[in-house]
Protein backbone atom coordinates (compact mmCIF):
# COMPACT_ATOMS: atom_id res chain seq x y z
CA UNK A 1 -0.15 0.07 -0.01
CA UNK A 2 1.38 3.27 -0.98
CA UNK A 3 1.21 5.72 1.93
CA UNK A 4 3.24 8.91 0.26
CA UNK A 5 2.16 9.69 -3.47
CA UNK A 6 3.76 12.33 -5.21
CA UNK A 7 3.28 13.61 -8.58
CA UNK A 8 5.10 16.18 -10.66
CA UNK A 9 6.14 18.14 -7.75
CA UNK A 10 7.13 21.49 -8.09
CA UNK A 11 8.93 24.29 -5.32
CA UNK A 12 10.03 27.92 -6.52
CA UNK A 13 10.45 30.40 -4.01
CA UNK A 14 9.37 33.95 -4.28
CA UNK A 15 12.59 35.23 -5.33
CA UNK A 16 12.58 32.74 -8.36
CA UNK A 17 15.05 30.03 -6.81
CA UNK A 18 13.75 26.43 -8.42
CA UNK A 19 14.15 24.11 -5.53
CA UNK A 20 12.33 21.09 -6.85
CA UNK A 21 11.26 20.23 -10.99
CA UNK A 22 8.78 17.81 -11.72
CA UNK A 23 9.23 15.22 -9.06
CA UNK A 24 7.20 12.09 -8.66
CA UNK A 25 7.30 8.85 -6.86
CA UNK A 26 6.14 6.37 -4.44
CA UNK A 27 6.37 5.50 -1.00
CA UNK A 28 4.82 2.20 0.55
CA UNK A 29 4.28 1.13 3.93
CA UNK A 30 7.32 0.05 6.14
CA UNK A 31 9.92 1.22 3.95
CA UNK A 32 13.49 3.16 4.68
CA UNK A 33 12.79 5.62 1.72
CA UNK A 34 16.02 7.78 1.30
CA UNK A 35 16.53 11.10 -0.07
CA UNK A 36 20.01 11.34 -1.61
CA UNK A 37 22.00 14.41 -2.46
CA UNK A 38 24.38 17.13 -2.43
CA UNK A 39 23.71 19.61 -0.33
CA UNK A 40 21.37 22.52 -1.80
CA UNK A 41 19.93 19.89 -3.93
CA UNK A 42 16.45 20.37 -2.67
CA UNK A 43 15.91 16.64 -0.24
CA UNK A 44 15.04 19.19 3.04
CA UNK A 45 12.36 21.13 0.80
CA UNK A 46 11.10 18.36 -0.45
CA UNK A 47 10.70 16.47 3.19
CA UNK A 48 8.98 19.70 4.42
CA UNK A 49 6.16 19.84 1.76
CA UNK A 50 5.25 16.13 2.30
CA UNK A 51 5.22 16.93 6.37
CA UNK A 52 2.95 19.75 5.45
CA UNK A 53 5.54 22.87 6.75
CA UNK A 54 5.81 24.13 2.99
CA UNK A 55 3.83 24.33 0.44
CA UNK A 56 4.43 23.38 -3.16
CA UNK A 57 4.30 25.52 -6.10
CA UNK A 58 3.58 22.90 -8.46
CA UNK A 59 2.13 18.90 -9.14
CA UNK A 60 0.96 17.01 -6.24
CA UNK A 61 1.56 15.10 -3.30
CA UNK A 62 -0.51 12.89 -0.81
CA UNK A 63 0.53 11.40 2.67
CA UNK A 64 -2.28 8.73 3.66
CA UNK A 65 -4.36 9.76 0.71
CA UNK A 66 -4.89 13.24 1.85
CA UNK A 67 -3.75 16.14 -0.41
CA UNK A 68 -0.96 17.61 1.70
CA UNK A 69 -2.09 21.37 0.66
CA UNK A 70 -5.91 20.60 1.28
CA UNK A 71 -5.69 18.22 3.83
CA UNK A 72 -2.85 19.05 6.10
CA UNK A 73 -5.14 18.30 9.39
CA UNK A 74 -5.42 15.18 8.46
CA UNK A 75 -1.79 14.33 8.41
CA UNK A 76 -0.23 15.67 10.87
CA UNK A 77 -1.44 13.44 13.59
CA UNK A 78 -0.20 10.39 11.86
CA UNK A 79 3.32 12.04 11.24
CA UNK A 80 6.41 13.06 13.80
CA UNK A 81 9.19 14.96 11.80
CA UNK A 82 12.63 15.04 13.09
CA UNK A 83 14.25 18.37 11.51
CA UNK A 84 17.52 18.52 10.23
CA UNK A 85 20.21 19.66 13.29
CA UNK A 86 17.79 18.93 15.76
CA UNK A 87 19.23 20.20 19.22
CA UNK A 88 17.41 19.44 22.71
CA UNK A 89 17.67 21.63 25.90
CA UNK A 90 21.06 21.20 27.24
CA UNK A 91 19.73 21.67 30.89
CA UNK A 92 16.82 19.65 31.10
CA UNK A 93 16.95 15.94 31.79
CA UNK A 94 16.36 12.99 29.25
CA UNK A 95 13.41 11.84 31.12
CA UNK A 96 12.03 15.86 31.53
CA UNK A 97 12.35 16.17 27.65
CA UNK A 98 9.96 13.15 26.61
CA UNK A 99 7.73 13.90 29.84
CA UNK A 100 7.27 17.06 28.39
CA UNK A 101 6.75 15.79 24.99
CA UNK A 102 3.74 13.83 26.42
CA UNK A 103 2.20 16.74 28.00
CA UNK A 104 2.71 19.03 24.67
CA UNK A 105 0.79 15.76 22.61
CA UNK A 106 -2.32 16.23 25.36
CA UNK A 107 -1.57 12.96 27.05
CA UNK A 108 -2.50 13.80 31.01
CA UNK A 109 -0.50 13.62 34.05
CA UNK A 110 -0.51 9.73 34.66
CA UNK A 111 -0.26 8.48 31.06
CA UNK A 112 2.64 10.91 30.38
CA UNK A 113 4.49 9.46 33.19
CA UNK A 114 3.88 5.67 31.47
CA UNK A 115 4.62 6.48 28.01
CA UNK A 116 7.63 8.45 28.84
CA UNK A 117 8.80 5.22 31.12
CA UNK A 118 7.46 2.90 27.98
CA UNK A 119 9.46 4.96 25.45
CA UNK A 120 12.71 5.43 27.78
CA UNK A 121 13.21 1.88 28.08
CA UNK A 122 12.38 1.03 24.37
CA UNK A 123 15.19 3.43 23.35
CA UNK A 124 17.56 2.12 26.13
CA UNK A 125 17.60 5.30 27.82
CA UNK A 126 16.27 4.45 31.36
CA UNK A 127 20.05 4.21 32.91
CA UNK A 128 20.21 7.89 31.60
CA UNK A 129 16.60 9.20 32.20
CA UNK A 130 18.06 11.85 35.36
CA UNK A 131 20.84 13.24 33.70
CA UNK A 132 21.11 16.55 31.84
CA UNK A 133 21.24 16.46 28.01
CA UNK A 134 24.58 18.48 28.15
CA UNK A 135 26.34 15.38 29.88
CA UNK A 136 25.17 12.69 27.31
CA UNK A 137 26.68 11.79 23.95
CA UNK A 138 25.95 13.20 20.67
CA UNK A 139 24.36 9.42 19.67
CA UNK A 140 22.07 9.64 23.33
CA UNK A 141 21.04 13.00 22.46
CA UNK A 142 20.40 11.90 19.29
CA UNK A 143 18.19 9.10 20.85
CA UNK A 144 16.33 11.43 23.39
CA UNK A 145 15.13 13.55 19.82
CA UNK A 146 13.91 10.54 18.30
CA UNK A 147 12.24 9.23 21.55
CA UNK A 148 10.30 12.31 21.56
CA UNK A 149 9.12 12.36 17.97
CA UNK A 150 7.89 8.83 18.57
CA UNK A 151 5.64 9.54 21.49
CA UNK A 152 2.66 9.60 19.11
CA UNK A 153 3.65 6.38 17.57
CA UNK A 154 3.70 7.92 13.86
CA UNK A 155 2.77 6.17 11.00
CA UNK A 156 5.52 8.10 9.21
CA UNK A 157 8.43 9.42 10.88
CA UNK A 158 10.49 11.82 8.46
CA UNK A 159 14.18 12.35 9.42
CA UNK A 160 16.18 14.84 7.96
CA UNK A 161 20.05 14.23 8.25
CA UNK A 162 19.46 12.33 11.41
CA UNK A 163 23.20 11.56 12.14
CA UNK A 164 25.20 14.70 10.96
CA UNK A 165 27.43 15.46 13.43
CA UNK A 166 27.72 11.92 15.33
CA UNK A 167 30.72 9.66 15.40
CA UNK A 168 30.52 6.29 13.64
CA UNK A 169 29.05 4.43 16.50
CA UNK A 170 26.52 7.29 17.66
CA UNK A 171 25.78 6.85 13.99
CA UNK A 172 24.78 2.92 13.99
CA UNK A 173 22.80 3.76 17.06
CA UNK A 174 20.51 5.49 15.38
CA UNK A 175 19.95 3.64 12.33
CA UNK A 176 19.88 0.54 14.85
CA UNK A 177 16.64 2.04 15.82
CA UNK A 178 15.42 3.07 12.64
CA UNK A 179 15.39 -0.40 11.61
CA UNK A 180 13.58 -1.66 14.79
CA UNK A 181 11.21 1.12 13.95
CA UNK A 182 10.19 -0.43 10.55
CA UNK A 183 10.17 -3.99 12.03
CA UNK A 184 7.23 -2.44 13.60
CA UNK A 185 5.58 -1.30 10.73
CA UNK A 186 6.41 2.35 10.48
CA UNK A 187 7.30 3.93 7.37
CA UNK A 188 10.71 6.35 7.58
CA UNK A 189 11.66 8.68 5.30
CA UNK A 190 15.16 9.95 5.64
CA UNK A 191 17.32 12.25 3.86
CA UNK A 192 21.40 12.33 3.67
CA UNK A 193 24.23 12.95 1.97
CA UNK A 194 26.08 10.05 3.90
CA UNK A 195 26.67 7.32 0.95
CA UNK A 196 27.52 4.37 3.34
CA UNK A 197 23.91 5.44 5.43
CA UNK A 198 21.91 5.09 2.12
CA UNK A 199 23.35 1.93 1.34
CA UNK A 200 22.79 0.45 4.69
CA UNK A 201 19.20 1.57 5.50
CA UNK A 202 17.47 2.10 2.44
CA UNK A 203 14.85 -0.34 0.75
CA UNK A 204 14.73 2.35 -2.02
CA UNK A 205 16.19 5.65 -3.02
CA UNK A 206 15.84 8.60 -4.74
CA UNK A 207 18.76 10.46 -5.83
CA UNK A 208 18.01 14.42 -6.23
CA UNK A 209 19.98 16.57 -8.19
CA UNK A 210 19.56 20.18 -8.71
CA UNK A 211 15.97 19.94 -7.86
CA UNK A 212 15.39 16.87 -9.87
CA UNK A 213 14.74 13.64 -9.93
CA UNK A 214 18.42 11.63 -11.07
CA UNK A 215 17.66 8.05 -9.92
CA UNK A 216 14.45 6.15 -8.24
CA UNK A 217 15.67 2.13 -7.40
CA UNK A 218 16.90 0.22 -4.89
CA UNK A 219 20.70 0.45 -4.07
CA UNK A 220 21.70 -2.61 -6.38
CA UNK A 221 19.61 -0.83 -9.14
CA UNK A 222 21.96 2.24 -8.96
CA UNK A 223 25.11 0.30 -9.30
CA UNK A 224 23.86 -1.39 -12.15
CA UNK A 225 22.68 1.63 -13.87
CA UNK A 226 25.67 3.31 -13.43
CA UNK A 227 27.80 0.49 -15.10
CA UNK A 228 30.12 0.34 -11.93
CA UNK A 229 31.73 -3.16 -11.43
CA UNK A 230 34.02 -5.21 -8.90
CA UNK A 231 37.67 -3.82 -8.87
CA UNK A 232 40.85 -5.73 -8.50
CA UNK A 233 43.54 -4.08 -7.07
CA UNK A 234 47.18 -5.54 -7.27
CA UNK A 235 49.81 -4.25 -5.36
CA UNK A 236 53.25 -5.14 -3.94
CA UNK A 237 53.22 -7.87 -1.08
CA UNK A 238 55.75 -5.17 0.61
CA UNK A 239 53.50 -2.67 2.96
CA UNK A 240 54.85 -0.06 1.86
CA UNK A 241 54.92 -0.74 -2.20
CA UNK A 242 54.07 2.13 -4.72
CA UNK A 243 53.53 -0.25 -7.78
CA UNK A 244 49.42 -0.09 -6.93
CA UNK A 245 47.07 -1.11 -10.15
CA UNK A 246 43.08 -0.89 -9.96
CA UNK A 247 41.96 -2.94 -12.37
CA UNK A 248 38.10 -3.29 -13.42
CA UNK A 249 37.37 -6.74 -15.34
CA UNK A 250 34.75 -7.19 -17.49
CA UNK A 251 34.37 -10.97 -16.30
CA UNK A 252 34.83 -13.57 -14.21
CA UNK A 253 37.19 -15.41 -15.92
CA UNK A 254 39.32 -12.43 -16.52
CA UNK A 255 39.50 -11.70 -12.42
CA UNK A 256 40.85 -15.27 -12.01
CA UNK A 257 43.45 -14.45 -14.98
CA UNK A 258 44.36 -11.60 -13.03
CA UNK A 259 45.01 -13.06 -9.52
CA UNK A 260 46.94 -16.26 -10.81
CA UNK A 261 49.28 -14.27 -12.68
CA UNK A 262 49.43 -11.80 -9.66
CA UNK A 263 49.99 -15.00 -7.47
CA UNK A 264 52.47 -16.06 -9.48
CA UNK A 265 54.81 -12.45 -9.43
CA UNK A 266 54.36 -12.59 -5.86
CA UNK A 267 51.93 -9.88 -5.58
CA UNK A 268 49.08 -9.28 -3.08
CA UNK A 269 45.38 -9.11 -4.62
CA UNK A 270 42.13 -7.04 -2.72
CA UNK A 271 38.44 -6.87 -4.61
CA UNK A 272 36.79 -3.55 -4.25
CA UNK A 273 32.87 -4.39 -4.84
CA UNK A 274 30.98 -1.72 -6.44
CA UNK A 275 29.45 1.28 -3.79
CA UNK A 276 26.64 3.57 -3.92
CA UNK A 277 29.27 6.30 -4.04
CA UNK A 278 30.64 5.04 -7.16
CA UNK A 279 27.17 4.88 -8.59
CA UNK A 280 26.06 8.70 -7.27
CA UNK A 281 29.10 10.65 -9.05
CA UNK A 282 28.17 8.47 -12.40
CA UNK A 283 24.73 9.61 -11.96
CA UNK A 284 25.01 13.25 -10.80
CA UNK A 285 28.56 14.20 -12.80
CA UNK A 286 29.98 15.02 -9.50
CA UNK A 287 31.40 14.10 -6.06
CA UNK A 288 29.74 14.35 -2.81
CA UNK A 289 32.16 17.19 -1.65
CA UNK A 290 31.30 19.49 -4.54
């Protein structure tokens, strides 16, 4: 079942900047759908339109069958949004953040206390409940933010660059939580410009380039479309050898020939499978750092 439908969506800001142009795709229930692109590509604009925070100027978008322009009140109770670089209040405890969000959502005091404890245990935050947010690691702070977003049991969670600024362990903690949510049937729309994040998480992805859809499909389909194949790296067996070759064989037979020849010459052989970053660069014609 499609829970998000986007048809010919466009957004032009008042001063003439065109952030999105003719974007179309579908997202099914329980899917992790990733919007991938460079900074300024239009990812956040698209997410904000679907979250009913921004009005499109062309095309249509529906969430749960409701038009984002005409029926935002039917959509908002069923979604939660974690904006880019969301920051908690440093002098509040993890417990207070979540309890206050329960009360903002309209829960009675006893229900807020029960729900806060339940969510903190679910997110492995209970042992940190009395710590000030200032004393928590980046990964734990992001867990608090996600716990606040999930107070209302949303059917769709919009995450805008949720791991920006986190260390590798913190990023993987967030990834694990996202997978746990989708296992329960929650749909996740995630924006990122981290290639490894999209490769690890996405059931499907859309690559946005200059406001337009450059690719729509799975990670494997992106790699196949880009024509990126297995690389074979041949180098000296010595640690500091400088005769490194990177080869791109066209068949398994050619790979076997390279391996046999290299072993006979006493050289080391390693394999580098295709990556999403390789596909991204070929599809949009530029590096992620640009």
